[in-house]
Amino acid sequence: MSGETAYAATKEALDAFVKTFVVEVMEKGITQGPTDLGGMNEEWKQHLLLNFPFGRIGTLHDAARLIRFFGE
């Protein structure tokens, strides 16, 4: 992978950042995972819930809280 050092370093840095950031924002009630923007049916929600830690689907309110968090 000659010539891709900057790409590889940046990719690893972002990976480390995201893993750390997720823990910090979870303490504030902000989670990662799917967000229902109004188009998810209950069957799909139940399928998704099995794979995410808080046992719920994100809402538009959650997205707004994240935007506010970044604005502070």
N, C-alpha and C. Protein backbone atom coordinates (compact mmCIF):
# COMPACT_ATOMS: atom_id res chain seq x y z
N MET A 1 0.84 -1.19 0.00
CA MET A 1 0.00 0.00 0.00
C MET A 1 0.88 1.24 0.00
N SER A 2 1.76 1.29 -0.92
CA SER A 2 2.65 2.43 -1.03
C SER A 2 1.87 3.70 -1.31
N GLY A 3 2.24 4.77 -0.62
CA GLY A 3 1.60 6.06 -0.86
C GLY A 3 0.29 6.27 -0.13
N GLU A 4 -0.09 5.34 0.74
CA GLU A 4 -1.38 5.46 1.43
C GLU A 4 -1.22 5.62 2.94
N THR A 5 -0.06 6.07 3.37
CA THR A 5 0.20 6.21 4.80
C THR A 5 -0.76 7.21 5.46
N ALA A 6 -0.95 8.35 4.84
CA ALA A 6 -1.84 9.37 5.42
C ALA A 6 -3.27 8.84 5.51
N TYR A 7 -3.72 8.15 4.48
CA TYR A 7 -5.07 7.58 4.49
C TYR A 7 -5.21 6.57 5.63
N ALA A 8 -4.26 5.66 5.75
CA ALA A 8 -4.32 4.62 6.78
C ALA A 8 -4.29 5.23 8.18
N ALA A 9 -3.42 6.21 8.38
CA ALA A 9 -3.32 6.86 9.69
C ALA A 9 -4.61 7.59 10.05
N THR A 10 -5.17 8.29 9.08
CA THR A 10 -6.41 9.03 9.31
C THR A 10 -7.56 8.08 9.62
N LYS A 11 -7.63 6.99 8.87
CA LYS A 11 -8.70 6.01 9.09
C LYS A 11 -8.62 5.43 10.50
N GLU A 12 -7.43 5.06 10.94
CA GLU A 12 -7.26 4.51 12.28
C GLU A 12 -7.56 5.55 13.36
N ALA A 13 -7.17 6.80 13.12
CA ALA A 13 -7.46 7.87 14.08
C ALA A 13 -8.96 8.07 14.23
N LEU A 14 -9.68 8.06 13.12
CA LEU A 14 -11.14 8.22 13.18
C LEU A 14 -11.79 7.04 13.89
N ASP A 15 -11.30 5.84 13.65
CA ASP A 15 -11.84 4.66 14.31
C ASP A 15 -11.68 4.78 15.82
N ALA A 16 -10.49 5.18 16.27
CA ALA A 16 -10.24 5.35 17.70
C ALA A 16 -11.10 6.47 18.28
N PHE A 17 -11.24 7.56 17.55
CA PHE A 17 -12.06 8.68 18.00
C PHE A 17 -13.51 8.25 18.20
N VAL A 18 -14.07 7.56 17.21
CA VAL A 18 -15.48 7.17 17.28
C VAL A 18 -15.72 6.24 18.47
N LYS A 19 -14.83 5.28 18.68
CA LYS A 19 -15.01 4.35 19.80
C LYS A 19 -14.98 5.08 21.14
N THR A 20 -14.13 6.06 21.29
CA THR A 20 -14.05 6.83 22.53
C THR A 20 -15.24 7.78 22.65
N PHE A 21 -15.59 8.45 21.56
CA PHE A 21 -16.68 9.42 21.56
C PHE A 21 -18.01 8.76 21.92
N VAL A 22 -18.25 7.56 21.40
CA VAL A 22 -19.50 6.86 21.69
C VAL A 22 -19.67 6.66 23.18
N VAL A 23 -18.62 6.27 23.87
CA VAL A 23 -18.71 6.06 25.31
C VAL A 23 -19.05 7.36 26.02
N GLU A 24 -18.41 8.45 25.62
CA GLU A 24 -18.65 9.74 26.27
C GLU A 24 -20.07 10.24 26.06
N VAL A 25 -20.60 10.12 24.85
CA VAL A 25 -21.94 10.64 24.62
C VAL A 25 -23.02 9.70 25.15
N MET A 26 -22.71 8.40 25.30
CA MET A 26 -23.69 7.49 25.90
C MET A 26 -24.01 7.92 27.32
N GLU A 27 -23.02 8.46 28.02
CA GLU A 27 -23.24 8.94 29.38
C GLU A 27 -24.23 10.10 29.40
N LYS A 28 -24.40 10.77 28.28
CA LYS A 28 -25.34 11.89 28.18
C LYS A 28 -26.67 11.43 27.56
N GLY A 29 -26.82 10.12 27.35
CA GLY A 29 -28.05 9.58 26.80
C GLY A 29 -28.10 9.61 25.28
N ILE A 30 -26.98 9.91 24.64
CA ILE A 30 -26.91 9.92 23.19
C ILE A 30 -26.33 8.59 22.75
N THR A 31 -27.00 7.88 21.89
CA THR A 31 -26.57 6.55 21.50
C THR A 31 -26.35 6.43 20.01
N GLN A 32 -25.65 5.37 19.65
CA GLN A 32 -25.50 5.04 18.24
C GLN A 32 -26.54 4.00 17.87
N GLY A 33 -26.86 3.93 16.63
CA GLY A 33 -27.80 2.92 16.18
C GLY A 33 -28.79 3.51 15.20
N PRO A 34 -29.79 2.72 14.85
CA PRO A 34 -30.76 3.17 13.87
C PRO A 34 -31.66 4.27 14.42
N THR A 35 -32.09 5.15 13.54
CA THR A 35 -33.00 6.22 13.91
C THR A 35 -34.24 6.13 13.04
N ASP A 36 -35.40 6.13 13.67
CA ASP A 36 -36.66 6.10 12.93
C ASP A 36 -37.02 7.52 12.54
N LEU A 37 -36.97 7.78 11.26
CA LEU A 37 -37.33 9.10 10.74
C LEU A 37 -38.80 9.15 10.33
N GLY A 38 -39.55 8.12 10.74
CA GLY A 38 -40.97 8.10 10.45
C GLY A 38 -41.38 7.00 9.48
N GLY A 39 -40.43 6.23 8.98
CA GLY A 39 -40.76 5.21 7.99
C GLY A 39 -40.56 3.78 8.42
N MET A 40 -40.23 3.53 9.68
CA MET A 40 -39.98 2.16 10.14
C MET A 40 -41.25 1.53 10.67
N ASN A 41 -41.52 0.31 10.24
CA ASN A 41 -42.67 -0.40 10.82
C ASN A 41 -42.22 -1.17 12.06
N GLU A 42 -43.16 -1.63 12.85
CA GLU A 42 -42.86 -2.29 14.13
C GLU A 42 -42.06 -3.57 13.93
N GLU A 43 -42.33 -4.30 12.87
CA GLU A 43 -41.60 -5.55 12.62
C GLU A 43 -40.11 -5.26 12.42
N TRP A 44 -39.80 -4.26 11.63
CA TRP A 44 -38.41 -3.90 11.38
C TRP A 44 -37.75 -3.38 12.65
N LYS A 45 -38.47 -2.58 13.44
CA LYS A 45 -37.92 -2.09 14.71
C LYS A 45 -37.54 -3.24 15.63
N GLN A 46 -38.43 -4.22 15.76
CA GLN A 46 -38.17 -5.37 16.63
C GLN A 46 -36.95 -6.15 16.16
N HIS A 47 -36.80 -6.27 14.85
CA HIS A 47 -35.63 -6.95 14.28
C HIS A 47 -34.34 -6.19 14.64
N LEU A 48 -34.37 -4.88 14.52
CA LEU A 48 -33.18 -4.07 14.79
C LEU A 48 -32.82 -4.02 16.27
N LEU A 49 -33.82 -4.03 17.13
CA LEU A 49 -33.58 -3.89 18.58
C LEU A 49 -32.67 -4.97 19.15
N LEU A 50 -32.63 -6.11 18.51
CA LEU A 50 -31.80 -7.21 19.00
C LEU A 50 -30.31 -6.89 18.92
N ASN A 51 -29.93 -5.90 18.13
CA ASN A 51 -28.53 -5.62 17.87
C ASN A 51 -27.99 -4.33 18.46
N PHE A 52 -28.79 -3.63 19.26
CA PHE A 52 -28.34 -2.34 19.78
C PHE A 52 -28.50 -2.27 21.29
N PRO A 53 -27.54 -1.63 21.98
CA PRO A 53 -27.42 -1.74 23.43
C PRO A 53 -28.54 -1.18 24.29
N PHE A 54 -29.22 -0.15 23.87
CA PHE A 54 -30.23 0.46 24.74
C PHE A 54 -31.63 -0.11 24.54
N GLY A 55 -31.76 -1.03 23.60
CA GLY A 55 -33.05 -1.68 23.39
C GLY A 55 -34.13 -0.74 22.89
N ARG A 56 -33.73 0.29 22.14
CA ARG A 56 -34.73 1.18 21.55
C ARG A 56 -34.17 1.77 20.27
N ILE A 57 -35.07 2.25 19.46
CA ILE A 57 -34.72 2.89 18.19
C ILE A 57 -34.63 4.39 18.44
N GLY A 58 -33.64 5.02 17.84
CA GLY A 58 -33.50 6.46 17.98
C GLY A 58 -34.66 7.22 17.37
N THR A 59 -34.83 8.45 17.83
CA THR A 59 -35.91 9.30 17.34
C THR A 59 -35.33 10.60 16.79
N LEU A 60 -36.16 11.39 16.17
CA LEU A 60 -35.73 12.70 15.70
C LEU A 60 -35.28 13.57 16.87
N HIS A 61 -35.90 13.40 18.02
CA HIS A 61 -35.50 14.13 19.22
C HIS A 61 -34.05 13.80 19.60
N ASP A 62 -33.68 12.54 19.47
CA ASP A 62 -32.30 12.14 19.76
C ASP A 62 -31.33 12.86 18.83
N ALA A 63 -31.67 12.94 17.55
CA ALA A 63 -30.80 13.62 16.59
C ALA A 63 -30.67 15.10 16.96
N ALA A 64 -31.75 15.71 17.37
CA ALA A 64 -31.72 17.12 17.76
C ALA A 64 -30.83 17.33 18.98
N ARG A 65 -30.88 16.39 19.93
CA ARG A 65 -30.01 16.50 21.11
C ARG A 65 -28.54 16.40 20.73
N LEU A 66 -28.23 15.55 19.76
CA LEU A 66 -26.84 15.43 19.31
C LEU A 66 -26.37 16.73 18.66
N ILE A 67 -27.22 17.33 17.86
CA ILE A 67 -26.87 18.61 17.23
C ILE A 67 -26.64 19.67 18.29
N ARG A 68 -27.49 19.69 19.30
CA ARG A 68 -27.31 20.65 20.39
C ARG A 68 -26.00 20.41 21.13
N PHE A 69 -25.69 19.13 21.37
CA PHE A 69 -24.45 18.77 22.04
C PHE A 69 -23.24 19.33 21.28
N PHE A 70 -23.23 19.17 19.97
CA PHE A 70 -22.12 19.67 19.18
C PHE A 70 -22.06 21.19 19.17
N GLY A 71 -23.21 21.84 19.37
CA GLY A 71 -23.26 23.29 19.33
C GLY A 71 -22.79 23.94 20.63
N GLU A 72 -22.67 23.15 21.69
CA GLU A 72 -22.27 23.71 22.99
C GLU A 72 -20.78 23.84 23.11
